[in-house]
Amino acid sequence: IAFMLSDAAAALLLTQAQVCTRLA
């Protein structure tokens, strides 16, 4: 996930509370 966000130059990530802590 970190690779794809970086490679795509994503500025934001939308998620849900149940997933949020894993992506903090």
mmCIF file of all heavy atoms, coordinates in Angstrom:
data_MODEL
# 
_entry.id   MODEL 
# 
loop_
_atom_site.group_PDB 
_atom_site.id 
_atom_site.type_symbol 
_atom_site.label_atom_id 
_atom_site.label_alt_id 
_atom_site.label_comp_id 
_atom_site.label_asym_id 
_atom_site.label_entity_id 
_atom_site.label_seq_id 
_atom_site.pdbx_PDB_ins_code 
_atom_site.Cartn_x 
_atom_site.Cartn_y 
_atom_site.Cartn_z 
_atom_site.occupancy 
_atom_site.B_iso_or_equiv 
_atom_site.pdbx_formal_charge 
_atom_site.auth_seq_id 
_atom_site.auth_comp_id 
_atom_site.auth_asym_id 
_atom_site.auth_atom_id 
_atom_site.pdbx_PDB_model_num 
ATOM 1   N N   . ILE A 1 1  ? 0.842   -1.202 0.000  1.00 0.00 ? 1  ILE A N   1 
ATOM 2   C CA  . ILE A 1 1  ? 0.000   0.000  0.000  1.00 0.00 ? 1  ILE A CA  1 
ATOM 3   C C   . ILE A 1 1  ? 0.872   1.244  0.000  1.00 0.00 ? 1  ILE A C   1 
ATOM 4   O O   . ILE A 1 1  ? 0.646   2.179  -0.773 1.00 0.00 ? 1  ILE A O   1 
ATOM 5   C CB  . ILE A 1 1  ? -0.976  0.002  1.200  1.00 0.00 ? 1  ILE A CB  1 
ATOM 6   C CG1 . ILE A 1 1  ? -2.048  -1.073 1.000  1.00 0.00 ? 1  ILE A CG1 1 
ATOM 7   C CG2 . ILE A 1 1  ? -1.622  1.376  1.377  1.00 0.00 ? 1  ILE A CG2 1 
ATOM 8   C CD1 . ILE A 1 1  ? -3.000  -1.236 2.170  1.00 0.00 ? 1  ILE A CD1 1 
ATOM 9   N N   . ALA A 1 2  ? 1.895   1.259  0.854  1.00 0.00 ? 2  ALA A N   1 
ATOM 10  C CA  . ALA A 1 2  ? 2.807   2.401  0.920  1.00 0.00 ? 2  ALA A CA  1 
ATOM 11  C C   . ALA A 1 2  ? 3.505   2.619  -0.419 1.00 0.00 ? 2  ALA A C   1 
ATOM 12  O O   . ALA A 1 2  ? 3.637   3.763  -0.870 1.00 0.00 ? 2  ALA A O   1 
ATOM 13  C CB  . ALA A 1 2  ? 3.839   2.184  2.027  1.00 0.00 ? 2  ALA A CB  1 
ATOM 14  N N   . PHE A 1 3  ? 3.933   1.537  -1.069 1.00 0.00 ? 3  PHE A N   1 
ATOM 15  C CA  . PHE A 1 3  ? 4.583   1.647  -2.376 1.00 0.00 ? 3  PHE A CA  1 
ATOM 16  C C   . PHE A 1 3  ? 3.638   2.264  -3.406 1.00 0.00 ? 3  PHE A C   1 
ATOM 17  O O   . PHE A 1 3  ? 4.009   3.194  -4.128 1.00 0.00 ? 3  PHE A O   1 
ATOM 18  C CB  . PHE A 1 3  ? 5.066   0.280  -2.883 1.00 0.00 ? 3  PHE A CB  1 
ATOM 19  C CG  . PHE A 1 3  ? 5.426   0.309  -4.341 1.00 0.00 ? 3  PHE A CG  1 
ATOM 20  C CD1 . PHE A 1 3  ? 6.634   0.854  -4.766 1.00 0.00 ? 3  PHE A CD1 1 
ATOM 21  C CD2 . PHE A 1 3  ? 4.541   -0.173 -5.309 1.00 0.00 ? 3  PHE A CD2 1 
ATOM 22  C CE1 . PHE A 1 3  ? 6.950   0.927  -6.121 1.00 0.00 ? 3  PHE A CE1 1 
ATOM 23  C CE2 . PHE A 1 3  ? 4.845   -0.107 -6.658 1.00 0.00 ? 3  PHE A CE2 1 
ATOM 24  C CZ  . PHE A 1 3  ? 6.059   0.439  -7.062 1.00 0.00 ? 3  PHE A CZ  1 
ATOM 25  N N   . MET A 1 4  ? 2.408   1.744  -3.493 1.00 0.00 ? 4  MET A N   1 
ATOM 26  C CA  . MET A 1 4  ? 1.474   2.237  -4.507 1.00 0.00 ? 4  MET A CA  1 
ATOM 27  C C   . MET A 1 4  ? 1.108   3.700  -4.269 1.00 0.00 ? 4  MET A C   1 
ATOM 28  O O   . MET A 1 4  ? 1.032   4.481  -5.222 1.00 0.00 ? 4  MET A O   1 
ATOM 29  C CB  . MET A 1 4  ? 0.226   1.359  -4.553 1.00 0.00 ? 4  MET A CB  1 
ATOM 30  C CG  . MET A 1 4  ? 0.491   -0.012 -5.147 1.00 0.00 ? 4  MET A CG  1 
ATOM 31  S SD  . MET A 1 4  ? -0.985  -1.018 -5.383 1.00 0.00 ? 4  MET A SD  1 
ATOM 32  C CE  . MET A 1 4  ? -1.359  -1.490 -3.703 1.00 0.00 ? 4  MET A CE  1 
ATOM 33  N N   . LEU A 1 5  ? 0.884   4.084  -3.023 1.00 0.00 ? 5  LEU A N   1 
ATOM 34  C CA  . LEU A 1 5  ? 0.579   5.485  -2.717 1.00 0.00 ? 5  LEU A CA  1 
ATOM 35  C C   . LEU A 1 5  ? 1.734   6.393  -3.117 1.00 0.00 ? 5  LEU A C   1 
ATOM 36  O O   . LEU A 1 5  ? 1.524   7.460  -3.706 1.00 0.00 ? 5  LEU A O   1 
ATOM 37  C CB  . LEU A 1 5  ? 0.263   5.652  -1.232 1.00 0.00 ? 5  LEU A CB  1 
ATOM 38  C CG  . LEU A 1 5  ? -1.075  5.096  -0.760 1.00 0.00 ? 5  LEU A CG  1 
ATOM 39  C CD1 . LEU A 1 5  ? -1.131  5.060  0.758  1.00 0.00 ? 5  LEU A CD1 1 
ATOM 40  C CD2 . LEU A 1 5  ? -2.228  5.912  -1.324 1.00 0.00 ? 5  LEU A CD2 1 
ATOM 41  N N   . SER A 1 6  ? 2.950   5.971  -2.816 1.00 0.00 ? 6  SER A N   1 
ATOM 42  C CA  . SER A 1 6  ? 4.125   6.765  -3.160 1.00 0.00 ? 6  SER A CA  1 
ATOM 43  C C   . SER A 1 6  ? 4.343   6.816  -4.667 1.00 0.00 ? 6  SER A C   1 
ATOM 44  O O   . SER A 1 6  ? 4.571   7.883  -5.241 1.00 0.00 ? 6  SER A O   1 
ATOM 45  C CB  . SER A 1 6  ? 5.361   6.174  -2.473 1.00 0.00 ? 6  SER A CB  1 
ATOM 46  O OG  . SER A 1 6  ? 6.524   6.829  -2.901 1.00 0.00 ? 6  SER A OG  1 
ATOM 47  N N   . ASP A 1 7  ? 4.268   5.661  -5.310 1.00 0.00 ? 7  ASP A N   1 
ATOM 48  C CA  . ASP A 1 7  ? 4.494   5.585  -6.752 1.00 0.00 ? 7  ASP A CA  1 
ATOM 49  C C   . ASP A 1 7  ? 3.467   6.404  -7.525 1.00 0.00 ? 7  ASP A C   1 
ATOM 50  O O   . ASP A 1 7  ? 3.800   7.043  -8.527 1.00 0.00 ? 7  ASP A O   1 
ATOM 51  C CB  . ASP A 1 7  ? 4.457   4.123  -7.196 1.00 0.00 ? 7  ASP A CB  1 
ATOM 52  C CG  . ASP A 1 7  ? 4.893   3.938  -8.629 1.00 0.00 ? 7  ASP A CG  1 
ATOM 53  O OD1 . ASP A 1 7  ? 6.058   4.280  -8.942 1.00 0.00 ? 7  ASP A OD1 1 
ATOM 54  O OD2 . ASP A 1 7  ? 4.075   3.455  -9.443 1.00 0.00 ? 7  ASP A OD2 1 
ATOM 55  N N   . ALA A 1 8  ? 2.223   6.415  -7.066 1.00 0.00 ? 8  ALA A N   1 
ATOM 56  C CA  . ALA A 1 8  ? 1.160   7.166  -7.736 1.00 0.00 ? 8  ALA A CA  1 
ATOM 57  C C   . ALA A 1 8  ? 1.132   8.634  -7.305 1.00 0.00 ? 8  ALA A C   1 
ATOM 58  O O   . ALA A 1 8  ? 0.336   9.410  -7.820 1.00 0.00 ? 8  ALA A O   1 
ATOM 59  C CB  . ALA A 1 8  ? -0.196  6.527  -7.449 1.00 0.00 ? 8  ALA A CB  1 
ATOM 60  N N   . ALA A 1 9  ? 1.990   9.011  -6.375 1.00 0.00 ? 9  ALA A N   1 
ATOM 61  C CA  . ALA A 1 9  ? 2.055   10.376 -5.843 1.00 0.00 ? 9  ALA A CA  1 
ATOM 62  C C   . ALA A 1 9  ? 0.706   10.812 -5.269 1.00 0.00 ? 9  ALA A C   1 
ATOM 63  O O   . ALA A 1 9  ? 0.257   11.938 -5.478 1.00 0.00 ? 9  ALA A O   1 
ATOM 64  C CB  . ALA A 1 9  ? 2.550   11.356 -6.906 1.00 0.00 ? 9  ALA A CB  1 
ATOM 65  N N   . ALA A 1 10 ? 0.062   9.903  -4.542 1.00 0.00 ? 10 ALA A N   1 
ATOM 66  C CA  . ALA A 1 10 ? -1.232  10.213 -3.930 1.00 0.00 ? 10 ALA A CA  1 
ATOM 67  C C   . ALA A 1 10 ? -1.042  11.205 -2.788 1.00 0.00 ? 10 ALA A C   1 
ATOM 68  O O   . ALA A 1 10 ? -0.161  11.042 -1.954 1.00 0.00 ? 10 ALA A O   1 
ATOM 69  C CB  . ALA A 1 10 ? -1.884  8.936  -3.411 1.00 0.00 ? 10 ALA A CB  1 
ATOM 70  N N   . ALA A 1 11 ? -1.876  12.223 -2.777 1.00 0.00 ? 11 ALA A N   1 
ATOM 71  C CA  . ALA A 1 11 ? -1.784  13.251 -1.742 1.00 0.00 ? 11 ALA A CA  1 
ATOM 72  C C   . ALA A 1 11 ? -2.613  12.901 -0.521 1.00 0.00 ? 11 ALA A C   1 
ATOM 73  O O   . ALA A 1 11 ? -2.321  13.349 0.578  1.00 0.00 ? 11 ALA A O   1 
ATOM 74  C CB  . ALA A 1 11 ? -2.251  14.585 -2.311 1.00 0.00 ? 11 ALA A CB  1 
ATOM 75  N N   . LEU A 1 12 ? -3.670  12.111 -0.736 1.00 0.00 ? 12 LEU A N   1 
ATOM 76  C CA  . LEU A 1 12 ? -4.593  11.772 0.339  1.00 0.00 ? 12 LEU A CA  1 
ATOM 77  C C   . LEU A 1 12 ? -4.966  10.303 0.255  1.00 0.00 ? 12 LEU A C   1 
ATOM 78  O O   . LEU A 1 12 ? -4.834  9.686  -0.799 1.00 0.00 ? 12 LEU A O   1 
ATOM 79  C CB  . LEU A 1 12 ? -5.893  12.581 0.216  1.00 0.00 ? 12 LEU A CB  1 
ATOM 80  C CG  . LEU A 1 12 ? -5.822  14.088 0.296  1.00 0.00 ? 12 LEU A CG  1 
ATOM 81  C CD1 . LEU A 1 12 ? -7.158  14.695 -0.095 1.00 0.00 ? 12 LEU A CD1 1 
ATOM 82  C CD2 . LEU A 1 12 ? -5.449  14.530 1.690  1.00 0.00 ? 12 LEU A CD2 1 
ATOM 83  N N   . LEU A 1 13 ? -5.484  9.793  1.359  1.00 0.00 ? 13 LEU A N   1 
ATOM 84  C CA  . LEU A 1 13 ? -6.003  8.437  1.407  1.00 0.00 ? 13 LEU A CA  1 
ATOM 85  C C   . LEU A 1 13 ? -7.332  8.468  2.135  1.00 0.00 ? 13 LEU A C   1 
ATOM 86  O O   . LEU A 1 13 ? -7.408  8.903  3.279  1.00 0.00 ? 13 LEU A O   1 
ATOM 87  C CB  . LEU A 1 13 ? -5.029  7.508  2.140  1.00 0.00 ? 13 LEU A CB  1 
ATOM 88  C CG  . LEU A 1 13 ? -5.506  6.080  2.372  1.00 0.00 ? 13 LEU A CG  1 
ATOM 89  C CD1 . LEU A 1 13 ? -5.709  5.346  1.051  1.00 0.00 ? 13 LEU A CD1 1 
ATOM 90  C CD2 . LEU A 1 13 ? -4.518  5.324  3.246  1.00 0.00 ? 13 LEU A CD2 1 
ATOM 91  N N   . LEU A 1 14 ? -8.394  8.031  1.449  1.00 0.00 ? 14 LEU A N   1 
ATOM 92  C CA  . LEU A 1 14 ? -9.705  7.906  2.082  1.00 0.00 ? 14 LEU A CA  1 
ATOM 93  C C   . LEU A 1 14 ? -9.833  6.503  2.640  1.00 0.00 ? 14 LEU A C   1 
ATOM 94  O O   . LEU A 1 14 ? -9.487  5.532  1.980  1.00 0.00 ? 14 LEU A O   1 
ATOM 95  C CB  . LEU A 1 14 ? -10.829 8.135  1.071  1.00 0.00 ? 14 LEU A CB  1 
ATOM 96  C CG  . LEU A 1 14 ? -10.913 9.488  0.390  1.00 0.00 ? 14 LEU A CG  1 
ATOM 97  C CD1 . LEU A 1 14 ? -12.164 9.552  -0.485 1.00 0.00 ? 14 LEU A CD1 1 
ATOM 98  C CD2 . LEU A 1 14 ? -10.895 10.612 1.386  1.00 0.00 ? 14 LEU A CD2 1 
ATOM 99  N N   . THR A 1 15 ? -10.347 6.410  3.852  1.00 0.00 ? 15 THR A N   1 
ATOM 100 C CA  . THR A 1 15 ? -10.525 5.112  4.481  1.00 0.00 ? 15 THR A CA  1 
ATOM 101 C C   . THR A 1 15 ? -11.697 5.173  5.445  1.00 0.00 ? 15 THR A C   1 
ATOM 102 O O   . THR A 1 15 ? -12.454 6.147  5.458  1.00 0.00 ? 15 THR A O   1 
ATOM 103 C CB  . THR A 1 15 ? -9.218  4.650  5.171  1.00 0.00 ? 15 THR A CB  1 
ATOM 104 O OG1 . THR A 1 15 ? -9.356  3.291  5.553  1.00 0.00 ? 15 THR A OG1 1 
ATOM 105 C CG2 . THR A 1 15 ? -8.850  5.518  6.344  1.00 0.00 ? 15 THR A CG2 1 
ATOM 106 N N   . GLN A 1 16 ? -11.840 4.136  6.253  1.00 0.00 ? 16 GLN A N   1 
ATOM 107 C CA  . GLN A 1 16 ? -12.886 4.041  7.271  1.00 0.00 ? 16 GLN A CA  1 
ATOM 108 C C   . GLN A 1 16 ? -12.217 3.858  8.630  1.00 0.00 ? 16 GLN A C   1 
ATOM 109 O O   . GLN A 1 16 ? -11.074 3.406  8.710  1.00 0.00 ? 16 GLN A O   1 
ATOM 110 C CB  . GLN A 1 16 ? -13.778 2.829  6.991  1.00 0.00 ? 16 GLN A CB  1 
ATOM 111 C CG  . GLN A 1 16 ? -14.498 2.904  5.673  1.00 0.00 ? 16 GLN A CG  1 
ATOM 112 C CD  . GLN A 1 16 ? -14.916 1.529  5.198  1.00 0.00 ? 16 GLN A CD  1 
ATOM 113 O OE1 . GLN A 1 16 ? -14.093 0.637  5.089  1.00 0.00 ? 16 GLN A OE1 1 
ATOM 114 N NE2 . GLN A 1 16 ? -16.192 1.365  4.893  1.00 0.00 ? 16 GLN A NE2 1 
ATOM 115 N N   . ALA A 1 17 ? -12.945 4.172  9.674  1.00 0.00 ? 17 ALA A N   1 
ATOM 116 C CA  . ALA A 1 17 ? -12.396 4.066  11.023 1.00 0.00 ? 17 ALA A CA  1 
ATOM 117 C C   . ALA A 1 17 ? -11.866 2.667  11.305 1.00 0.00 ? 17 ALA A C   1 
ATOM 118 O O   . ALA A 1 17 ? -10.815 2.512  11.929 1.00 0.00 ? 17 ALA A O   1 
ATOM 119 C CB  . ALA A 1 17 ? -13.457 4.454  12.051 1.00 0.00 ? 17 ALA A CB  1 
ATOM 120 N N   . GLN A 1 18 ? -12.552 1.631  10.834 1.00 0.00 ? 18 GLN A N   1 
ATOM 121 C CA  . GLN A 1 18 ? -12.121 0.251  11.093 1.00 0.00 ? 18 GLN A CA  1 
ATOM 122 C C   . GLN A 1 18 ? -10.794 -0.084 10.430 1.00 0.00 ? 18 GLN A C   1 
ATOM 123 O O   . GLN A 1 18 ? -10.114 -1.015 10.831 1.00 0.00 ? 18 GLN A O   1 
ATOM 124 C CB  . GLN A 1 18 ? -13.189 -0.736 10.635 1.00 0.00 ? 18 GLN A CB  1 
ATOM 125 C CG  . GLN A 1 18 ? -13.407 -0.752 9.135  1.00 0.00 ? 18 GLN A CG  1 
ATOM 126 C CD  . GLN A 1 18 ? -14.576 -1.626 8.720  1.00 0.00 ? 18 GLN A CD  1 
ATOM 127 O OE1 . GLN A 1 18 ? -15.444 -1.941 9.517  1.00 0.00 ? 18 GLN A OE1 1 
ATOM 128 N NE2 . GLN A 1 18 ? -14.604 -2.018 7.464  1.00 0.00 ? 18 GLN A NE2 1 
ATOM 129 N N   . VAL A 1 19 ? -10.398 0.688  9.434  1.00 0.00 ? 19 VAL A N   1 
ATOM 130 C CA  . VAL A 1 19 ? -9.154  0.443  8.706  1.00 0.00 ? 19 VAL A CA  1 
ATOM 131 C C   . VAL A 1 19 ? -8.099  1.496  9.068  1.00 0.00 ? 19 VAL A C   1 
ATOM 132 O O   . VAL A 1 19 ? -6.897  1.261  8.940  1.00 0.00 ? 19 VAL A O   1 
ATOM 133 C CB  . VAL A 1 19 ? -9.409  0.476  7.167  1.00 0.00 ? 19 VAL A CB  1 
ATOM 134 C CG1 . VAL A 1 19 ? -8.146  0.205  6.380  1.00 0.00 ? 19 VAL A CG1 1 
ATOM 135 C CG2 . VAL A 1 19 ? -10.505 -0.503 6.778  1.00 0.00 ? 19 VAL A CG2 1 
ATOM 136 N N   . CYS A 1 20 ? -8.535  2.625  9.553  1.00 0.00 ? 20 CYS A N   1 
ATOM 137 C CA  . CYS A 1 20 ? -7.691  3.804  9.759  1.00 0.00 ? 20 CYS A CA  1 
ATOM 138 C C   . CYS A 1 20 ? -6.455  3.548  10.626 1.00 0.00 ? 20 CYS A C   1 
ATOM 139 O O   . CYS A 1 20 ? -5.359  3.984  10.276 1.00 0.00 ? 20 CYS A O   1 
ATOM 140 C CB  . CYS A 1 20 ? -8.532  4.925  10.362 1.00 0.00 ? 20 CYS A CB  1 
ATOM 141 S SG  . CYS A 1 20 ? -7.782  6.544  10.229 1.00 0.00 ? 20 CYS A SG  1 
ATOM 142 N N   . THR A 1 21 ? -6.600  2.853  11.722 1.00 0.00 ? 21 THR A N   1 
ATOM 143 C CA  . THR A 1 21 ? -5.467  2.658  12.629 1.00 0.00 ? 21 THR A CA  1 
ATOM 144 C C   . THR A 1 21 ? -4.342  1.868  11.958 1.00 0.00 ? 21 THR A C   1 
ATOM 145 O O   . THR A 1 21 ? -3.173  2.113  12.224 1.00 0.00 ? 21 THR A O   1 
ATOM 146 C CB  . THR A 1 21 ? -5.906  1.931  13.913 1.00 0.00 ? 21 THR A CB  1 
ATOM 147 O OG1 . THR A 1 21 ? -6.563  0.717  13.566 1.00 0.00 ? 21 THR A OG1 1 
ATOM 148 C CG2 . THR A 1 21 ? -6.833  2.805  14.728 1.00 0.00 ? 21 THR A CG2 1 
ATOM 149 N N   . ARG A 1 22 ? -4.698  0.957  11.067 1.00 0.00 ? 22 ARG A N   1 
ATOM 150 C CA  . ARG A 1 22 ? -3.713  0.155  10.353 1.00 0.00 ? 22 ARG A CA  1 
ATOM 151 C C   . ARG A 1 22 ? -2.903  0.992  9.363  1.00 0.00 ? 22 ARG A C   1 
ATOM 152 O O   . ARG A 1 22 ? -1.798  0.633  8.984  1.00 0.00 ? 22 ARG A O   1 
ATOM 153 C CB  . ARG A 1 22 ? -4.448  -0.960 9.599  1.00 0.00 ? 22 ARG A CB  1 
ATOM 154 C CG  . ARG A 1 22 ? -3.612  -2.150 9.342  1.00 0.00 ? 22 ARG A CG  1 
ATOM 155 C CD  . ARG A 1 22 ? -4.428  -3.243 8.648  1.00 0.00 ? 22 ARG A CD  1 
ATOM 156 N NE  . ARG A 1 22 ? -3.561  -3.775 7.638  1.00 0.00 ? 22 ARG A NE  1 
ATOM 157 C CZ  . ARG A 1 22 ? -3.686  -3.590 6.346  1.00 0.00 ? 22 ARG A CZ  1 
ATOM 158 N NH1 . ARG A 1 22 ? -4.675  -2.919 5.863  1.00 0.00 ? 22 ARG A NH1 1 
ATOM 159 N NH2 . ARG A 1 22 ? -2.822  -4.100 5.513  1.00 0.00 ? 22 ARG A NH2 1 
ATOM 160 N N   . LEU A 1 23 ? -3.463  2.119  8.946  1.00 0.00 ? 23 LEU A N   1 
ATOM 161 C CA  . LEU A 1 23 ? -2.838  2.938  7.905  1.00 0.00 ? 23 LEU A CA  1 
ATOM 162 C C   . LEU A 1 23 ? -2.223  4.225  8.441  1.00 0.00 ? 23 LEU A C   1 
ATOM 163 O O   . LEU A 1 23 ? -1.709  5.019  7.672  1.00 0.00 ? 23 LEU A O   1 
ATOM 164 C CB  . LEU A 1 23 ? -3.888  3.279  6.838  1.00 0.00 ? 23 LEU A CB  1 
ATOM 165 C CG  . LEU A 1 23 ? -4.599  2.085  6.207  1.00 0.00 ? 23 LEU A CG  1 
ATOM 166 C CD1 . LEU A 1 23 ? -5.736  2.564  5.327  1.00 0.00 ? 23 LEU A CD1 1 
ATOM 167 C CD2 . LEU A 1 23 ? -3.626  1.228  5.421  1.00 0.00 ? 23 LEU A CD2 1 
ATOM 168 N N   . ALA A 1 24 ? -2.278  4.426  9.742  1.00 0.00 ? 24 ALA A N   1 
ATOM 169 C CA  . ALA A 1 24 ? -1.836  5.690  10.339 1.00 0.00 ? 24 ALA A CA  1 
ATOM 170 C C   . ALA A 1 24 ? -0.366  6.012  10.076 1.00 0.00 ? 24 ALA A C   1 
ATOM 171 O O   . ALA A 1 24 ? 0.009   7.172  9.994  1.00 0.00 ? 24 ALA A O   1 
ATOM 172 C CB  . ALA A 1 24 ? -2.109  5.674  11.837 1.00 0.00 ? 24 ALA A CB  1 
# 
